[in-house]
């Protein structure tokens, strides 16, 4: 049985609807072929941050699926971790 959630709860849990000026810069990474979490969620968040003039960097890959974490010997881990560390260094290690 699929759980039924209230409209209010869905609004509260939708990150893209809760963008605020005090949020830190955001790095978004996803794969278009993720079959666990719809990548559309990442696109909505990115677009909402941009609409609010918030700093956001996004890396979207065609393939990679879901749940790969950090496995340096495998794609897309190698790509996203390198991009994230470069982003982090640029922002926080100036």
N, C-alpha and C. Protein backbone atom coordinates (compact mmCIF):
# COMPACT_ATOMS: atom_id res chain seq x y z
N UNK A 1 0.83 -1.17 0.00
CA UNK A 1 0.00 0.00 0.00
C UNK A 1 0.89 1.25 0.00
N UNK A 2 0.64 2.16 -0.91
CA UNK A 2 1.40 3.39 -1.02
C UNK A 2 0.94 4.37 0.05
N UNK A 3 1.89 4.92 0.83
CA UNK A 3 1.48 5.88 1.87
C UNK A 3 0.93 7.16 1.25
N UNK A 4 -0.01 7.77 1.95
CA UNK A 4 -0.60 9.03 1.50
C UNK A 4 -0.07 10.14 2.42
N UNK A 5 0.54 11.15 1.80
CA UNK A 5 1.10 12.26 2.55
C UNK A 5 0.29 13.51 2.29
N UNK A 6 0.20 14.34 3.30
CA UNK A 6 -0.56 15.58 3.16
C UNK A 6 0.18 16.54 2.23
N UNK A 7 -0.57 17.43 1.64
CA UNK A 7 0.01 18.47 0.77
C UNK A 7 1.02 19.30 1.56
N UNK A 8 0.69 19.63 2.80
CA UNK A 8 1.57 20.44 3.64
C UNK A 8 2.90 19.73 3.88
N UNK A 9 2.87 18.44 4.18
CA UNK A 9 4.09 17.69 4.41
C UNK A 9 4.93 17.62 3.13
N UNK A 10 4.29 17.42 1.99
CA UNK A 10 5.02 17.39 0.72
C UNK A 10 5.71 18.73 0.47
N UNK A 11 5.03 19.82 0.77
CA UNK A 11 5.61 21.15 0.59
C UNK A 11 6.81 21.34 1.53
N UNK A 12 6.68 20.90 2.76
CA UNK A 12 7.76 21.05 3.74
C UNK A 12 8.98 20.22 3.37
N UNK A 13 8.78 19.08 2.75
CA UNK A 13 9.87 18.17 2.42
C UNK A 13 10.46 18.40 1.04
N UNK A 14 9.87 19.26 0.25
CA UNK A 14 10.37 19.56 -1.08
C UNK A 14 11.44 20.63 -0.99
N UNK A 15 12.69 20.23 -1.11
CA UNK A 15 13.80 21.17 -0.94
C UNK A 15 13.69 22.37 -1.87
N UNK A 16 13.27 22.14 -3.10
CA UNK A 16 13.22 23.25 -4.05
C UNK A 16 12.20 24.32 -3.66
N UNK A 17 11.29 23.98 -2.77
CA UNK A 17 10.29 24.94 -2.31
C UNK A 17 10.70 25.60 -1.00
N UNK A 18 11.88 25.28 -0.54
CA UNK A 18 12.36 25.80 0.74
C UNK A 18 13.74 26.42 0.62
N UNK A 19 13.97 27.11 -0.48
CA UNK A 19 15.24 27.81 -0.70
C UNK A 19 15.17 29.14 0.04
N UNK A 20 16.22 29.42 0.83
CA UNK A 20 16.26 30.65 1.62
C UNK A 20 17.59 31.34 1.43
N UNK A 21 17.60 32.65 1.66
CA UNK A 21 18.79 33.45 1.41
C UNK A 21 19.97 33.09 2.29
N UNK A 22 19.77 32.42 3.38
CA UNK A 22 20.88 32.06 4.27
C UNK A 22 21.48 30.68 3.97
N UNK A 23 21.02 30.06 2.89
CA UNK A 23 21.57 28.75 2.51
C UNK A 23 23.01 28.90 2.02
N UNK A 24 23.84 27.91 2.29
CA UNK A 24 25.21 27.95 1.78
C UNK A 24 25.24 27.60 0.30
N UNK A 25 26.36 27.79 -0.37
CA UNK A 25 26.48 27.34 -1.76
C UNK A 25 26.19 25.84 -1.84
N UNK A 26 25.62 25.43 -2.95
CA UNK A 26 25.18 24.04 -3.10
C UNK A 26 25.86 23.39 -4.30
N UNK A 27 26.30 22.15 -4.11
CA UNK A 27 26.84 21.32 -5.17
C UNK A 27 25.85 20.18 -5.38
N UNK A 28 25.34 20.06 -6.59
CA UNK A 28 24.36 19.01 -6.91
C UNK A 28 24.97 18.07 -7.93
N UNK A 29 24.87 16.79 -7.64
CA UNK A 29 25.34 15.77 -8.58
C UNK A 29 24.27 14.71 -8.72
N UNK A 30 23.99 14.32 -9.94
CA UNK A 30 23.07 13.20 -10.16
C UNK A 30 23.35 12.56 -11.52
N UNK A 31 22.78 11.39 -11.69
CA UNK A 31 22.87 10.68 -12.96
C UNK A 31 21.46 10.57 -13.53
N UNK A 32 21.33 10.81 -14.81
CA UNK A 32 20.02 10.78 -15.45
C UNK A 32 19.38 9.40 -15.44
N UNK A 33 20.18 8.36 -15.28
CA UNK A 33 19.62 7.01 -15.28
C UNK A 33 19.40 6.45 -13.87
N UNK A 34 19.35 7.32 -12.87
CA UNK A 34 19.08 6.89 -11.49
C UNK A 34 17.66 6.32 -11.44
N UNK A 35 17.54 5.06 -11.07
CA UNK A 35 16.21 4.43 -11.02
C UNK A 35 15.68 4.33 -9.59
N UNK A 36 16.36 4.97 -8.63
CA UNK A 36 15.91 4.98 -7.24
C UNK A 36 15.35 6.35 -6.87
N UNK A 37 16.12 7.40 -7.16
CA UNK A 37 15.68 8.77 -6.90
C UNK A 37 15.59 9.49 -8.24
N UNK A 38 14.42 9.97 -8.54
CA UNK A 38 14.19 10.64 -9.82
C UNK A 38 15.13 11.84 -9.96
N UNK A 39 15.97 11.87 -10.99
CA UNK A 39 16.90 12.99 -11.16
C UNK A 39 16.18 14.33 -11.36
N UNK A 40 14.92 14.29 -11.68
CA UNK A 40 14.14 15.53 -11.81
C UNK A 40 14.19 16.33 -10.51
N UNK A 41 14.32 15.65 -9.38
CA UNK A 41 14.43 16.36 -8.10
C UNK A 41 15.66 17.26 -8.09
N UNK A 42 16.76 16.78 -8.62
CA UNK A 42 17.99 17.59 -8.68
C UNK A 42 17.82 18.77 -9.62
N UNK A 43 17.14 18.54 -10.74
CA UNK A 43 16.91 19.63 -11.70
C UNK A 43 16.04 20.71 -11.07
N UNK A 44 15.00 20.30 -10.35
CA UNK A 44 14.12 21.27 -9.69
C UNK A 44 14.88 22.08 -8.64
N UNK A 45 15.71 21.41 -7.87
CA UNK A 45 16.48 22.12 -6.85
C UNK A 45 17.43 23.12 -7.49
N UNK A 46 18.16 22.67 -8.51
CA UNK A 46 19.08 23.57 -9.22
C UNK A 46 18.34 24.79 -9.76
N UNK A 47 17.21 24.55 -10.41
CA UNK A 47 16.45 25.65 -11.01
C UNK A 47 15.90 26.60 -9.96
N UNK A 48 15.48 26.07 -8.82
CA UNK A 48 14.98 26.92 -7.75
C UNK A 48 16.10 27.78 -7.17
N UNK A 49 17.26 27.20 -6.97
CA UNK A 49 18.40 27.96 -6.46
C UNK A 49 18.79 29.06 -7.45
N UNK A 50 18.82 28.75 -8.72
CA UNK A 50 19.14 29.76 -9.73
C UNK A 50 18.10 30.87 -9.76
N UNK A 51 16.83 30.51 -9.63
CA UNK A 51 15.76 31.50 -9.64
C UNK A 51 15.85 32.45 -8.45
N UNK A 52 16.45 31.96 -7.36
CA UNK A 52 16.62 32.78 -6.16
C UNK A 52 18.01 33.41 -6.09
N UNK A 53 18.75 33.33 -7.20
CA UNK A 53 20.11 33.89 -7.28
C UNK A 53 21.04 33.34 -6.20
N UNK A 54 20.88 32.07 -5.93
CA UNK A 54 21.72 31.39 -4.94
C UNK A 54 22.86 30.67 -5.66
N UNK A 55 24.03 30.59 -5.04
CA UNK A 55 25.16 29.91 -5.68
C UNK A 55 24.94 28.39 -5.74
N UNK A 56 24.98 27.87 -6.96
CA UNK A 56 24.79 26.44 -7.15
C UNK A 56 25.68 25.97 -8.29
N UNK A 57 26.27 24.81 -8.10
CA UNK A 57 27.03 24.14 -9.14
C UNK A 57 26.40 22.77 -9.31
N UNK A 58 26.13 22.39 -10.55
CA UNK A 58 25.53 21.08 -10.77
C UNK A 58 26.34 20.29 -11.78
N UNK A 59 26.43 19.01 -11.51
CA UNK A 59 27.10 18.07 -12.39
C UNK A 59 26.09 16.97 -12.67
N UNK A 60 25.67 16.87 -13.91
CA UNK A 60 24.66 15.90 -14.31
C UNK A 60 25.30 14.93 -15.30
N UNK A 61 25.27 13.65 -14.96
CA UNK A 61 25.85 12.63 -15.85
C UNK A 61 24.74 11.82 -16.50
N UNK A 62 24.99 11.36 -17.69
CA UNK A 62 24.01 10.54 -18.41
C UNK A 62 23.80 9.19 -17.72
N UNK A 63 24.90 8.56 -17.31
CA UNK A 63 24.81 7.23 -16.72
C UNK A 63 25.58 7.17 -15.41
N UNK A 64 25.24 6.20 -14.60
CA UNK A 64 25.91 6.01 -13.32
C UNK A 64 24.98 5.41 -12.29
N UNK A 65 23.68 5.54 -12.54
CA UNK A 65 22.72 4.94 -11.63
C UNK A 65 22.63 5.66 -10.30
N UNK A 66 22.51 4.86 -9.24
CA UNK A 66 22.29 5.39 -7.89
C UNK A 66 23.12 4.59 -6.89
N UNK A 67 23.58 5.28 -5.87
CA UNK A 67 24.20 4.59 -4.75
C UNK A 67 25.62 4.14 -4.96
N UNK A 68 26.37 4.81 -5.79
CA UNK A 68 27.75 4.41 -6.04
C UNK A 68 28.69 4.96 -5.00
N UNK A 69 28.26 6.00 -4.27
CA UNK A 69 29.09 6.57 -3.21
C UNK A 69 30.45 7.01 -3.71
N UNK A 70 31.46 6.69 -2.94
CA UNK A 70 32.81 7.04 -3.33
C UNK A 70 33.61 5.77 -3.55
N UNK A 71 33.75 5.41 -4.80
CA UNK A 71 34.56 4.26 -5.21
C UNK A 71 35.54 4.78 -6.25
N UNK A 72 36.73 5.20 -5.84
CA UNK A 72 37.65 5.88 -6.75
C UNK A 72 37.99 5.11 -8.01
N UNK A 73 37.84 3.82 -7.97
CA UNK A 73 38.20 3.03 -9.14
C UNK A 73 37.08 2.95 -10.17
N UNK A 74 35.90 3.50 -9.86
CA UNK A 74 34.76 3.37 -10.76
C UNK A 74 34.19 4.72 -11.16
N UNK A 75 33.61 4.77 -12.35
CA UNK A 75 32.85 5.93 -12.77
C UNK A 75 31.47 5.76 -12.17
N UNK A 76 30.74 6.76 -11.80
CA UNK A 76 31.06 8.17 -11.91
C UNK A 76 31.77 8.73 -10.67
N UNK A 77 32.12 7.87 -9.72
CA UNK A 77 32.77 8.36 -8.49
C UNK A 77 33.99 9.21 -8.78
N UNK A 78 34.79 8.76 -9.70
CA UNK A 78 36.02 9.47 -10.04
C UNK A 78 35.72 10.90 -10.51
N UNK A 79 34.69 11.04 -11.30
CA UNK A 79 34.33 12.34 -11.87
C UNK A 79 33.71 13.26 -10.82
N UNK A 80 32.70 12.77 -10.08
CA UNK A 80 32.01 13.67 -9.17
C UNK A 80 32.89 14.07 -7.99
N UNK A 81 33.70 13.19 -7.49
CA UNK A 81 34.54 13.54 -6.33
C UNK A 81 35.58 14.60 -6.72
N UNK A 82 36.17 14.45 -7.90
CA UNK A 82 37.14 15.44 -8.37
C UNK A 82 36.46 16.80 -8.54
N UNK A 83 35.29 16.81 -9.17
CA UNK A 83 34.56 18.06 -9.38
C UNK A 83 34.15 18.69 -8.06
N UNK A 84 33.71 17.87 -7.12
CA UNK A 84 33.31 18.39 -5.82
C UNK A 84 34.49 19.01 -5.08
N UNK A 85 35.62 18.32 -5.07
CA UNK A 85 36.79 18.83 -4.36
C UNK A 85 37.31 20.13 -4.98
N UNK A 86 37.25 20.24 -6.30
CA UNK A 86 37.64 21.49 -6.96
C UNK A 86 36.68 22.61 -6.57
N UNK A 87 35.39 22.32 -6.56
CA UNK A 87 34.37 23.29 -6.16
C UNK A 87 34.60 23.73 -4.72
N UNK A 88 34.82 22.77 -3.83
CA UNK A 88 35.05 23.05 -2.42
C UNK A 88 36.30 23.93 -2.22
N UNK A 89 37.37 23.55 -2.88
CA UNK A 89 38.60 24.33 -2.77
C UNK A 89 38.41 25.76 -3.24
N UNK A 90 37.70 25.93 -4.32
CA UNK A 90 37.45 27.27 -4.87
C UNK A 90 36.67 28.13 -3.90
N UNK A 91 35.69 27.55 -3.24
CA UNK A 91 34.84 28.30 -2.32
C UNK A 91 35.43 28.53 -0.94
N UNK A 92 36.05 27.50 -0.39
CA UNK A 92 36.37 27.53 1.03
C UNK A 92 37.86 27.55 1.37
N UNK A 93 38.70 27.40 0.38
CA UNK A 93 40.13 27.38 0.69
C UNK A 93 40.86 28.53 0.00
N UNK A 94 40.20 29.61 -0.19
CA UNK A 94 40.79 30.79 -0.84
C UNK A 94 41.77 31.46 0.09
